[in-house]
Amino acid sequence: MTRRLGLAHAAVRPRRARADFRTPEARARARVAAIAFAAQFPAAFPICGTLLGMIREGDVIAHDRDVDFGCVGWPHTPMPDRVPGFSLIRRYHLDARPCEVAYRHDATGVKVDLFLFFDDAASGERFFAIYPDEFPKRRTIIRRFPASLFEWCDRHVWGHSFRFLRDPELFLESNYGPTWRVRDEKFRYV
């Protein structure tokens, strides 16, 4: 299909709908991707929608579209270009520092985002950035958390032991606000 654009012609592709996890099969693929990523990158811990689903619903959030992990960032943890079983989609930067890496799980096709948390010595906080400078039409969002929140434990979820923040509820409240326990299918992070 082509559409006339002035004097030139250009091919127009139909816009591809972004997949979500509304079907049981899609949620199962997301769980498989999350377990595989945690097994290959043990320094990572679930955050954002993935953590919210684990804690609030005991499953993947149906209206989510990817799996989210965090790790304490550079220079503490190098960001791997290759994670076995995953393909690198893209690296994102904030002030020339890597701040997010997007992967695709080869077996399921599920996108996995790995966000780096940085230390801010002046404030005693850790922070991560969303939609960094590669997205000029979207503003960068920086979320800050007390460094004391980053204590670790292991938690068994979906038949796998994940590295977890010791107080995930406090993280969720800091990230989403006091209503994080209420399901909102129209919510978008940005």
N, C-alpha and C. Protein backbone atom coordinates (compact mmCIF):
# COMPACT_ATOMS: atom_id res chain seq x y z
N MET A 1 0.84 -1.17 0.00
CA MET A 1 0.00 0.00 0.00
C MET A 1 0.89 1.24 0.00
N THR A 2 0.58 2.20 -0.82
CA THR A 2 1.32 3.45 -0.84
C THR A 2 0.36 4.60 -0.66
N ARG A 3 0.89 5.67 -0.17
CA ARG A 3 0.10 6.89 0.01
C ARG A 3 0.85 8.02 -0.67
N ARG A 4 0.15 8.86 -1.37
CA ARG A 4 0.79 9.97 -2.08
C ARG A 4 1.18 11.05 -1.08
N LEU A 5 2.45 11.41 -1.05
CA LEU A 5 2.97 12.44 -0.16
C LEU A 5 3.54 13.55 -1.03
N GLY A 6 2.73 14.55 -1.36
CA GLY A 6 3.19 15.59 -2.27
C GLY A 6 3.45 14.96 -3.62
N LEU A 7 4.68 15.16 -4.15
CA LEU A 7 5.02 14.58 -5.44
C LEU A 7 5.71 13.22 -5.30
N ALA A 8 6.11 12.87 -4.08
CA ALA A 8 6.82 11.62 -3.87
C ALA A 8 5.88 10.56 -3.30
N HIS A 9 6.26 9.33 -3.47
CA HIS A 9 5.50 8.23 -2.91
C HIS A 9 6.36 7.56 -1.84
N ALA A 10 5.72 7.10 -0.80
CA ALA A 10 6.44 6.37 0.24
C ALA A 10 5.60 5.18 0.67
N ALA A 11 6.24 4.07 0.95
CA ALA A 11 5.52 2.91 1.45
C ALA A 11 5.05 3.21 2.87
N VAL A 12 3.86 2.82 3.17
CA VAL A 12 3.30 3.01 4.51
C VAL A 12 3.02 1.64 5.09
N ARG A 13 3.66 1.34 6.19
CA ARG A 13 3.42 0.07 6.85
C ARG A 13 2.36 0.26 7.93
N PRO A 14 1.48 -0.72 8.10
CA PRO A 14 0.52 -0.59 9.18
C PRO A 14 1.26 -0.56 10.52
N ARG A 15 0.76 0.23 11.42
CA ARG A 15 1.39 0.34 12.73
C ARG A 15 1.19 -0.96 13.50
N ARG A 16 2.29 -1.47 14.01
CA ARG A 16 2.25 -2.73 14.75
C ARG A 16 1.82 -2.46 16.18
N ALA A 17 0.79 -3.14 16.63
CA ALA A 17 0.33 -2.97 18.01
C ALA A 17 1.37 -3.57 18.95
N ARG A 18 1.64 -2.87 20.03
CA ARG A 18 2.57 -3.39 21.03
C ARG A 18 1.89 -4.50 21.80
N ALA A 19 2.56 -5.61 21.92
CA ALA A 19 2.00 -6.76 22.61
C ALA A 19 1.97 -6.50 24.11
N ASP A 20 0.98 -7.05 24.77
CA ASP A 20 0.95 -7.02 26.22
C ASP A 20 0.80 -8.46 26.70
N PHE A 21 0.57 -8.62 27.99
CA PHE A 21 0.54 -9.95 28.59
C PHE A 21 -0.87 -10.34 29.03
N ARG A 22 -1.88 -9.98 28.24
CA ARG A 22 -3.27 -10.24 28.63
C ARG A 22 -3.66 -11.71 28.58
N THR A 23 -3.03 -12.50 27.73
CA THR A 23 -3.39 -13.91 27.65
C THR A 23 -2.53 -14.72 28.63
N PRO A 24 -3.05 -15.86 29.09
CA PRO A 24 -2.24 -16.71 29.97
C PRO A 24 -0.93 -17.15 29.31
N GLU A 25 -0.97 -17.39 28.00
CA GLU A 25 0.24 -17.79 27.28
C GLU A 25 1.28 -16.67 27.28
N ALA A 26 0.83 -15.43 27.09
CA ALA A 26 1.75 -14.29 27.08
C ALA A 26 2.35 -14.09 28.47
N ARG A 27 1.55 -14.24 29.52
CA ARG A 27 2.09 -14.11 30.88
C ARG A 27 3.09 -15.22 31.17
N ALA A 28 2.81 -16.42 30.67
CA ALA A 28 3.76 -17.53 30.85
C ALA A 28 5.08 -17.22 30.16
N ARG A 29 5.03 -16.65 28.94
CA ARG A 29 6.27 -16.26 28.24
C ARG A 29 7.04 -15.21 29.04
N ALA A 30 6.33 -14.26 29.62
CA ALA A 30 7.00 -13.22 30.42
C ALA A 30 7.66 -13.83 31.65
N ARG A 31 7.00 -14.78 32.31
CA ARG A 31 7.60 -15.44 33.47
C ARG A 31 8.86 -16.20 33.06
N VAL A 32 8.78 -16.91 31.93
CA VAL A 32 9.94 -17.67 31.44
C VAL A 32 11.10 -16.71 31.16
N ALA A 33 10.83 -15.58 30.51
CA ALA A 33 11.89 -14.61 30.21
C ALA A 33 12.48 -14.03 31.49
N ALA A 34 11.64 -13.72 32.48
CA ALA A 34 12.14 -13.16 33.75
C ALA A 34 13.02 -14.17 34.48
N ILE A 35 12.59 -15.41 34.53
CA ILE A 35 13.37 -16.45 35.21
C ILE A 35 14.69 -16.67 34.48
N ALA A 36 14.66 -16.71 33.16
CA ALA A 36 15.88 -16.92 32.38
C ALA A 36 16.85 -15.76 32.57
N PHE A 37 16.34 -14.52 32.60
CA PHE A 37 17.23 -13.37 32.77
C PHE A 37 17.86 -13.39 34.16
N ALA A 38 17.05 -13.64 35.18
CA ALA A 38 17.59 -13.69 36.55
C ALA A 38 18.63 -14.79 36.70
N ALA A 39 18.43 -15.91 36.02
CA ALA A 39 19.40 -17.01 36.09
C ALA A 39 20.72 -16.63 35.42
N GLN A 40 20.66 -15.86 34.33
CA GLN A 40 21.86 -15.48 33.59
C GLN A 40 22.55 -14.24 34.16
N PHE A 41 21.80 -13.41 34.87
CA PHE A 41 22.35 -12.14 35.38
C PHE A 41 21.94 -12.01 36.85
N PRO A 42 22.61 -12.74 37.75
CA PRO A 42 22.16 -12.83 39.14
C PRO A 42 22.25 -11.52 39.93
N ALA A 43 22.98 -10.52 39.43
CA ALA A 43 23.03 -9.22 40.12
C ALA A 43 21.74 -8.42 39.92
N ALA A 44 20.91 -8.84 38.97
CA ALA A 44 19.68 -8.11 38.65
C ALA A 44 18.57 -8.46 39.64
N PHE A 45 17.69 -7.49 39.86
CA PHE A 45 16.53 -7.69 40.74
C PHE A 45 15.30 -7.09 40.08
N PRO A 46 14.12 -7.69 40.27
CA PRO A 46 12.91 -7.18 39.61
C PRO A 46 12.53 -5.81 40.14
N ILE A 47 12.10 -4.93 39.22
CA ILE A 47 11.64 -3.58 39.58
C ILE A 47 10.41 -3.24 38.75
N CYS A 48 9.86 -2.08 39.00
CA CYS A 48 8.76 -1.49 38.24
C CYS A 48 7.62 -2.48 38.06
N GLY A 49 7.08 -2.61 36.84
CA GLY A 49 5.90 -3.43 36.63
C GLY A 49 6.10 -4.89 36.97
N THR A 50 7.31 -5.40 36.76
CA THR A 50 7.57 -6.80 37.09
C THR A 50 7.48 -7.02 38.59
N LEU A 51 8.12 -6.15 39.37
CA LEU A 51 8.04 -6.26 40.82
C LEU A 51 6.61 -6.03 41.30
N LEU A 52 5.94 -5.05 40.72
CA LEU A 52 4.56 -4.77 41.09
C LEU A 52 3.68 -6.00 40.86
N GLY A 53 3.83 -6.66 39.73
CA GLY A 53 3.06 -7.87 39.47
C GLY A 53 3.38 -8.98 40.45
N MET A 54 4.67 -9.18 40.74
CA MET A 54 5.06 -10.23 41.68
C MET A 54 4.44 -10.01 43.06
N ILE A 55 4.50 -8.77 43.53
CA ILE A 55 4.05 -8.47 44.89
C ILE A 55 2.53 -8.32 44.97
N ARG A 56 1.96 -7.54 44.08
CA ARG A 56 0.54 -7.23 44.18
C ARG A 56 -0.34 -8.35 43.65
N GLU A 57 0.06 -8.97 42.55
CA GLU A 57 -0.82 -9.91 41.88
C GLU A 57 -0.32 -11.36 41.89
N GLY A 58 0.95 -11.54 42.27
CA GLY A 58 1.50 -12.89 42.24
C GLY A 58 1.74 -13.40 40.83
N ASP A 59 1.65 -12.52 39.85
CA ASP A 59 1.81 -12.90 38.45
C ASP A 59 2.28 -11.68 37.67
N VAL A 60 2.44 -11.84 36.39
CA VAL A 60 2.78 -10.73 35.51
C VAL A 60 1.54 -9.85 35.37
N ILE A 61 1.72 -8.55 35.34
CA ILE A 61 0.60 -7.63 35.13
C ILE A 61 0.14 -7.78 33.69
N ALA A 62 -1.14 -8.01 33.50
CA ALA A 62 -1.67 -8.30 32.17
C ALA A 62 -1.45 -7.16 31.18
N HIS A 63 -1.52 -5.91 31.64
CA HIS A 63 -1.39 -4.79 30.70
C HIS A 63 0.05 -4.30 30.56
N ASP A 64 1.01 -4.99 31.19
CA ASP A 64 2.42 -4.63 31.02
C ASP A 64 2.89 -5.13 29.66
N ARG A 65 4.03 -4.61 29.20
CA ARG A 65 4.52 -4.97 27.87
C ARG A 65 5.96 -5.45 27.84
N ASP A 66 6.60 -5.46 29.02
CA ASP A 66 7.98 -5.93 29.07
C ASP A 66 8.27 -6.39 30.48
N VAL A 67 9.47 -6.90 30.67
CA VAL A 67 9.94 -7.34 31.98
C VAL A 67 11.03 -6.36 32.40
N ASP A 68 10.98 -5.92 33.66
CA ASP A 68 11.91 -4.89 34.14
C ASP A 68 12.78 -5.43 35.27
N PHE A 69 14.09 -5.20 35.12
CA PHE A 69 15.05 -5.52 36.17
C PHE A 69 15.91 -4.30 36.43
N GLY A 70 16.49 -4.25 37.60
CA GLY A 70 17.46 -3.22 37.94
C GLY A 70 18.73 -3.87 38.42
N CYS A 71 19.78 -3.09 38.44
CA CYS A 71 21.01 -3.51 39.10
C CYS A 71 21.74 -2.25 39.53
N VAL A 72 22.53 -2.39 40.58
CA VAL A 72 23.32 -1.26 41.02
C VAL A 72 24.37 -1.04 39.96
N GLY A 73 24.41 0.18 39.42
CA GLY A 73 25.05 0.43 38.15
C GLY A 73 26.53 0.70 38.16
N TRP A 74 26.93 1.05 36.99
CA TRP A 74 28.30 1.38 36.67
C TRP A 74 28.84 2.38 37.69
N PRO A 75 30.05 2.24 38.18
CA PRO A 75 31.05 1.24 37.80
C PRO A 75 30.96 -0.07 38.58
N HIS A 76 29.95 -0.21 39.45
CA HIS A 76 29.85 -1.42 40.28
C HIS A 76 29.57 -2.66 39.45
N THR A 77 28.70 -2.56 38.47
CA THR A 77 28.29 -3.70 37.66
C THR A 77 28.44 -3.34 36.19
N PRO A 78 29.33 -4.00 35.46
CA PRO A 78 29.42 -3.71 34.03
C PRO A 78 28.16 -4.18 33.32
N MET A 79 27.77 -3.45 32.29
CA MET A 79 26.57 -3.79 31.53
C MET A 79 26.97 -4.71 30.39
N PRO A 80 26.49 -5.93 30.41
CA PRO A 80 26.92 -6.88 29.37
C PRO A 80 26.21 -6.63 28.04
N ASP A 81 26.98 -6.75 26.95
CA ASP A 81 26.38 -6.72 25.62
C ASP A 81 25.69 -8.04 25.33
N ARG A 82 26.26 -9.10 25.87
CA ARG A 82 25.68 -10.43 25.64
C ARG A 82 25.26 -11.03 26.96
N VAL A 83 24.01 -11.42 27.00
CA VAL A 83 23.49 -12.25 28.08
C VAL A 83 23.02 -13.52 27.38
N PRO A 84 23.57 -14.68 27.74
CA PRO A 84 23.20 -15.91 27.03
C PRO A 84 21.68 -16.09 26.98
N GLY A 85 21.18 -16.34 25.77
CA GLY A 85 19.75 -16.55 25.56
C GLY A 85 18.99 -15.26 25.27
N PHE A 86 19.71 -14.12 25.23
CA PHE A 86 19.08 -12.82 24.99
C PHE A 86 19.84 -12.07 23.91
N SER A 87 19.12 -11.32 23.10
CA SER A 87 19.74 -10.48 22.08
C SER A 87 19.68 -9.03 22.53
N LEU A 88 20.77 -8.32 22.31
CA LEU A 88 20.83 -6.91 22.65
C LEU A 88 19.96 -6.13 21.66
N ILE A 89 19.04 -5.32 22.17
CA ILE A 89 18.24 -4.45 21.32
C ILE A 89 18.89 -3.08 21.23
N ARG A 90 19.21 -2.52 22.39
CA ARG A 90 19.74 -1.16 22.40
C ARG A 90 20.27 -0.80 23.78
N ARG A 91 21.27 0.08 23.79
CA ARG A 91 21.78 0.69 25.03
C ARG A 91 21.31 2.13 25.07
N TYR A 92 20.94 2.59 26.24
CA TYR A 92 20.53 3.99 26.43
C TYR A 92 21.52 4.65 27.38
N HIS A 93 21.70 5.95 27.20
CA HIS A 93 22.68 6.67 28.01
C HIS A 93 22.08 7.92 28.63
N LEU A 94 22.61 8.28 29.76
CA LEU A 94 22.27 9.53 30.45
C LEU A 94 23.60 10.19 30.79
N ASP A 95 23.85 11.36 30.23
CA ASP A 95 25.12 12.06 30.45
C ASP A 95 26.31 11.14 30.17
N ALA A 96 26.27 10.44 29.07
CA ALA A 96 27.34 9.57 28.58
C ALA A 96 27.54 8.31 29.43
N ARG A 97 26.70 8.08 30.41
CA ARG A 97 26.79 6.85 31.21
C ARG A 97 25.68 5.90 30.75
N PRO A 98 25.98 4.61 30.63
CA PRO A 98 24.90 3.69 30.31
C PRO A 98 23.89 3.69 31.45
N CYS A 99 22.60 3.77 31.12
CA CYS A 99 21.60 3.77 32.19
C CYS A 99 20.52 2.71 31.98
N GLU A 100 20.41 2.19 30.77
CA GLU A 100 19.42 1.14 30.51
C GLU A 100 19.91 0.32 29.32
N VAL A 101 19.65 -0.97 29.40
CA VAL A 101 19.95 -1.86 28.28
C VAL A 101 18.68 -2.65 28.01
N ALA A 102 18.28 -2.70 26.76
CA ALA A 102 17.09 -3.45 26.35
C ALA A 102 17.54 -4.72 25.64
N TYR A 103 16.98 -5.84 26.06
CA TYR A 103 17.26 -7.15 25.48
C TYR A 103 15.96 -7.78 25.00
N ARG A 104 16.08 -8.76 24.12
CA ARG A 104 14.93 -9.58 23.72
C ARG A 104 15.29 -11.02 24.04
N HIS A 105 14.39 -11.71 24.77
CA HIS A 105 14.61 -13.11 25.09
C HIS A 105 14.44 -13.93 23.82
N ASP A 106 15.48 -14.65 23.43
CA ASP A 106 15.48 -15.36 22.16
C ASP A 106 14.37 -16.41 22.07
N ALA A 107 14.08 -17.11 23.15
CA ALA A 107 13.11 -18.20 23.10
C ALA A 107 11.66 -17.72 23.09
N THR A 108 11.37 -16.58 23.73
CA THR A 108 9.98 -16.14 23.86
C THR A 108 9.66 -14.85 23.11
N GLY A 109 10.69 -14.08 22.76
CA GLY A 109 10.49 -12.79 22.11
C GLY A 109 10.13 -11.67 23.08
N VAL A 110 10.12 -11.93 24.37
CA VAL A 110 9.75 -10.93 25.37
C VAL A 110 10.91 -9.95 25.57
N LYS A 111 10.58 -8.66 25.60
CA LYS A 111 11.58 -7.61 25.85
C LYS A 111 11.86 -7.52 27.34
N VAL A 112 13.14 -7.40 27.67
CA VAL A 112 13.58 -7.25 29.06
C VAL A 112 14.41 -5.98 29.15
N ASP A 113 14.01 -5.07 30.02
CA ASP A 113 14.76 -3.84 30.26
C ASP A 113 15.56 -3.98 31.54
N LEU A 114 16.84 -3.62 31.46
CA LEU A 114 17.71 -3.62 32.63
C LEU A 114 18.11 -2.18 32.91
N PHE A 115 17.67 -1.65 34.05
CA PHE A 115 17.96 -0.28 34.45
C PHE A 115 19.08 -0.27 35.47
N LEU A 116 20.02 0.66 35.29
CA LEU A 116 21.11 0.81 36.25
C LEU A 116 20.74 1.86 37.29
N PHE A 117 20.99 1.55 38.53
CA PHE A 117 20.82 2.51 39.61
C PHE A 117 22.18 3.10 39.93
N PHE A 118 22.25 4.42 40.00
CA PHE A 118 23.49 5.13 40.27
C PHE A 118 23.47 5.70 41.67
N ASP A 119 24.66 5.79 42.26
CA ASP A 119 24.79 6.41 43.58
C ASP A 119 24.97 7.90 43.43
N ASP A 120 24.26 8.65 44.26
CA ASP A 120 24.44 10.10 44.36
C ASP A 120 25.01 10.35 45.75
N ALA A 121 26.33 10.44 45.83
CA ALA A 121 27.00 10.56 47.12
C ALA A 121 26.56 11.80 47.90
N ALA A 122 26.26 12.87 47.21
CA ALA A 122 25.87 14.11 47.88
C ALA A 122 24.56 13.96 48.65
N SER A 123 23.62 13.21 48.08
CA SER A 123 22.31 13.09 48.72
C SER A 123 22.12 11.77 49.48
N GLY A 124 23.03 10.82 49.28
CA GLY A 124 22.86 9.51 49.90
C GLY A 124 21.74 8.71 49.25
N GLU A 125 21.44 9.00 47.99
CA GLU A 125 20.36 8.32 47.30
C GLU A 125 20.91 7.52 46.13
N ARG A 126 20.07 6.63 45.64
CA ARG A 126 20.33 5.94 44.38
C ARG A 126 19.23 6.35 43.43
N PHE A 127 19.56 6.42 42.15
CA PHE A 127 18.55 6.83 41.20
C PHE A 127 18.70 6.05 39.90
N PHE A 128 17.62 6.03 39.13
CA PHE A 128 17.68 5.50 37.77
C PHE A 128 16.88 6.41 36.87
N ALA A 129 17.18 6.34 35.57
CA ALA A 129 16.55 7.21 34.58
C ALA A 129 15.71 6.38 33.62
N ILE A 130 14.60 6.96 33.20
CA ILE A 130 13.71 6.34 32.23
C ILE A 130 13.56 7.28 31.05
N TYR A 131 13.54 6.74 29.86
CA TYR A 131 13.48 7.51 28.62
C TYR A 131 14.59 8.56 28.58
N PRO A 132 15.81 8.07 28.48
CA PRO A 132 16.96 8.97 28.48
C PRO A 132 17.06 9.77 27.19
N ASP A 133 18.21 10.43 27.03
CA ASP A 133 18.36 11.46 26.00
C ASP A 133 18.22 10.98 24.56
N GLU A 134 18.19 9.68 24.30
CA GLU A 134 17.97 9.20 22.93
C GLU A 134 16.54 9.43 22.47
N PHE A 135 15.64 9.79 23.37
CA PHE A 135 14.24 10.05 23.03
C PHE A 135 13.99 11.55 23.14
N PRO A 136 14.32 12.33 22.12
CA PRO A 136 14.22 13.78 22.24
C PRO A 136 12.80 14.30 22.45
N LYS A 137 11.79 13.54 22.03
CA LYS A 137 10.42 14.02 22.20
C LYS A 137 9.84 13.68 23.56
N ARG A 138 10.54 12.89 24.33
CA ARG A 138 10.08 12.52 25.66
C ARG A 138 11.09 13.01 26.68
N ARG A 139 10.61 13.46 27.80
CA ARG A 139 11.54 13.94 28.81
C ARG A 139 12.12 12.78 29.62
N THR A 140 13.30 12.96 30.09
CA THR A 140 13.92 11.96 30.93
C THR A 140 13.30 12.05 32.31
N ILE A 141 12.93 10.91 32.85
CA ILE A 141 12.39 10.85 34.20
C ILE A 141 13.44 10.21 35.08
N ILE A 142 13.73 10.85 36.18
CA ILE A 142 14.70 10.29 37.12
C ILE A 142 13.96 9.99 38.41
N ARG A 143 14.05 8.76 38.87
CA ARG A 143 13.45 8.33 40.12
C ARG A 143 14.56 8.15 41.15
N ARG A 144 14.35 8.73 42.33
CA ARG A 144 15.36 8.67 43.40
C ARG A 144 14.82 7.86 44.57
N PHE A 145 15.71 7.11 45.21
CA PHE A 145 15.35 6.25 46.33
C PHE A 145 16.45 6.35 47.38
N PRO A 146 16.09 6.22 48.66
CA PRO A 146 17.14 6.20 49.69
C PRO A 146 18.06 5.00 49.47
N ALA A 147 19.35 5.22 49.61
CA ALA A 147 20.31 4.12 49.42
C ALA A 147 20.05 2.99 50.40
N SER A 148 19.48 3.31 51.57
CA SER A 148 19.20 2.29 52.57
C SER A 148 18.15 1.28 52.09
N LEU A 149 17.41 1.60 51.05
CA LEU A 149 16.41 0.70 50.51
C LEU A 149 17.05 -0.51 49.82
N PHE A 150 18.32 -0.39 49.45
CA PHE A 150 18.98 -1.41 48.65
C PHE A 150 19.71 -2.41 49.53
N GLU A 151 18.93 -3.14 50.30
CA GLU A 151 19.40 -4.30 51.04
C GLU A 151 18.75 -5.50 50.38
N TRP A 152 19.44 -6.62 50.39
CA TRP A 152 19.02 -7.74 49.54
C TRP A 152 18.54 -8.94 50.33
N CYS A 153 17.67 -9.69 49.70
CA CYS A 153 17.27 -11.01 50.17
C CYS A 153 16.91 -11.82 48.94
N ASP A 154 16.75 -13.10 49.11
CA ASP A 154 16.27 -13.95 48.03
C ASP A 154 14.81 -14.26 48.31
N ARG A 155 14.00 -14.28 47.25
CA ARG A 155 12.58 -14.58 47.39
C ARG A 155 12.19 -15.55 46.29
N HIS A 156 11.45 -16.57 46.69
CA HIS A 156 11.01 -17.60 45.74
C HIS A 156 9.70 -17.16 45.11
N VAL A 157 9.73 -16.90 43.79
CA VAL A 157 8.55 -16.47 43.04
C VAL A 157 8.54 -17.24 41.72
N TRP A 158 7.38 -17.71 41.29
CA TRP A 158 7.21 -18.40 40.01
C TRP A 158 8.14 -19.61 39.89
N GLY A 159 8.44 -20.25 41.01
CA GLY A 159 9.28 -21.44 40.99
C GLY A 159 10.76 -21.16 40.84
N HIS A 160 11.17 -19.93 41.09
CA HIS A 160 12.58 -19.54 40.95
C HIS A 160 12.96 -18.61 42.11
N SER A 161 14.21 -18.68 42.51
CA SER A 161 14.72 -17.78 43.55
C SER A 161 15.27 -16.51 42.88
N PHE A 162 14.65 -15.37 43.15
CA PHE A 162 15.07 -14.08 42.61
C PHE A 162 15.79 -13.28 43.68
N ARG A 163 16.76 -12.48 43.26
CA ARG A 163 17.35 -11.47 44.14
C ARG A 163 16.30 -10.37 44.30
N PHE A 164 16.01 -9.99 45.53
CA PHE A 164 14.93 -9.05 45.80
C PHE A 164 15.43 -7.94 46.71
N LEU A 165 14.83 -6.79 46.58
CA LEU A 165 14.99 -5.76 47.60
C LEU A 165 14.35 -6.29 48.88
N ARG A 166 14.98 -6.04 50.02
CA ARG A 166 14.45 -6.57 51.28
C ARG A 166 13.05 -6.04 51.57
N ASP A 167 12.77 -4.79 51.18
CA ASP A 167 11.46 -4.19 51.42
C ASP A 167 10.86 -3.72 50.09
N PRO A 168 10.35 -4.66 49.28
CA PRO A 168 9.84 -4.28 47.96
C PRO A 168 8.62 -3.36 48.04
N GLU A 169 7.82 -3.50 49.10
CA GLU A 169 6.65 -2.63 49.24
C GLU A 169 7.04 -1.17 49.38
N LEU A 170 8.12 -0.90 50.11
CA LEU A 170 8.61 0.47 50.26
C LEU A 170 9.10 1.01 48.91
N PHE A 171 9.79 0.18 48.15
CA PHE A 171 10.22 0.59 46.81
C PHE A 171 9.01 0.92 45.95
N LEU A 172 8.00 0.05 45.96
CA LEU A 172 6.81 0.28 45.13
C LEU A 172 6.09 1.57 45.54
N GLU A 173 5.98 1.81 46.84
CA GLU A 173 5.34 3.05 47.28
C GLU A 173 6.17 4.27 46.89
N SER A 174 7.49 4.17 46.99
CA SER A 174 8.35 5.28 46.59
C SER A 174 8.25 5.54 45.09
N ASN A 175 8.04 4.49 44.32
CA ASN A 175 8.02 4.60 42.86
C ASN A 175 6.64 4.99 42.32
N TYR A 176 5.58 4.39 42.86
CA TYR A 176 4.23 4.58 42.31
C TYR A 176 3.31 5.41 43.20
N GLY A 177 3.71 5.66 44.44
CA GLY A 177 2.84 6.39 45.35
C GLY A 177 2.03 5.45 46.23
N PRO A 178 1.24 6.02 47.13
CA PRO A 178 0.53 5.20 48.13
C PRO A 178 -0.58 4.33 47.56
N THR A 179 -0.98 4.55 46.32
CA THR A 179 -2.06 3.74 45.74
C THR A 179 -1.53 2.58 44.89
N TRP A 180 -0.28 2.20 45.07
CA TRP A 180 0.30 1.16 44.23
C TRP A 180 -0.43 -0.17 44.35
N ARG A 181 -1.14 -0.40 45.43
CA ARG A 181 -1.86 -1.66 45.62
C ARG A 181 -3.14 -1.74 44.79
N VAL A 182 -3.58 -0.63 44.22
CA VAL A 182 -4.82 -0.58 43.45
C VAL A 182 -4.50 -0.77 41.97
N ARG A 183 -5.13 -1.75 41.36
CA ARG A 183 -4.89 -2.04 39.93
C ARG A 183 -5.46 -0.90 39.08
N ASP A 184 -4.66 -0.45 38.10
CA ASP A 184 -5.08 0.60 37.18
C ASP A 184 -4.57 0.24 35.80
N GLU A 185 -5.41 -0.35 34.97
CA GLU A 185 -4.98 -0.82 33.65
C GLU A 185 -4.67 0.31 32.69
N LYS A 186 -5.06 1.54 33.01
CA LYS A 186 -4.76 2.67 32.15
C LYS A 186 -3.46 3.35 32.53
N PHE A 187 -2.83 2.91 33.62
CA PHE A 187 -1.60 3.54 34.08
C PHE A 187 -0.48 3.32 33.08
N ARG A 188 0.25 4.36 32.77
CA ARG A 188 1.48 4.29 31.99
C ARG A 188 2.53 5.05 32.77
N TYR A 189 3.73 4.48 32.84
CA TYR A 189 4.78 5.03 33.68
C TYR A 189 5.17 6.43 33.25
N VAL A 190 5.17 6.68 31.95
CA VAL A 190 5.51 8.01 31.44
C VAL A 190 4.41 8.51 30.54
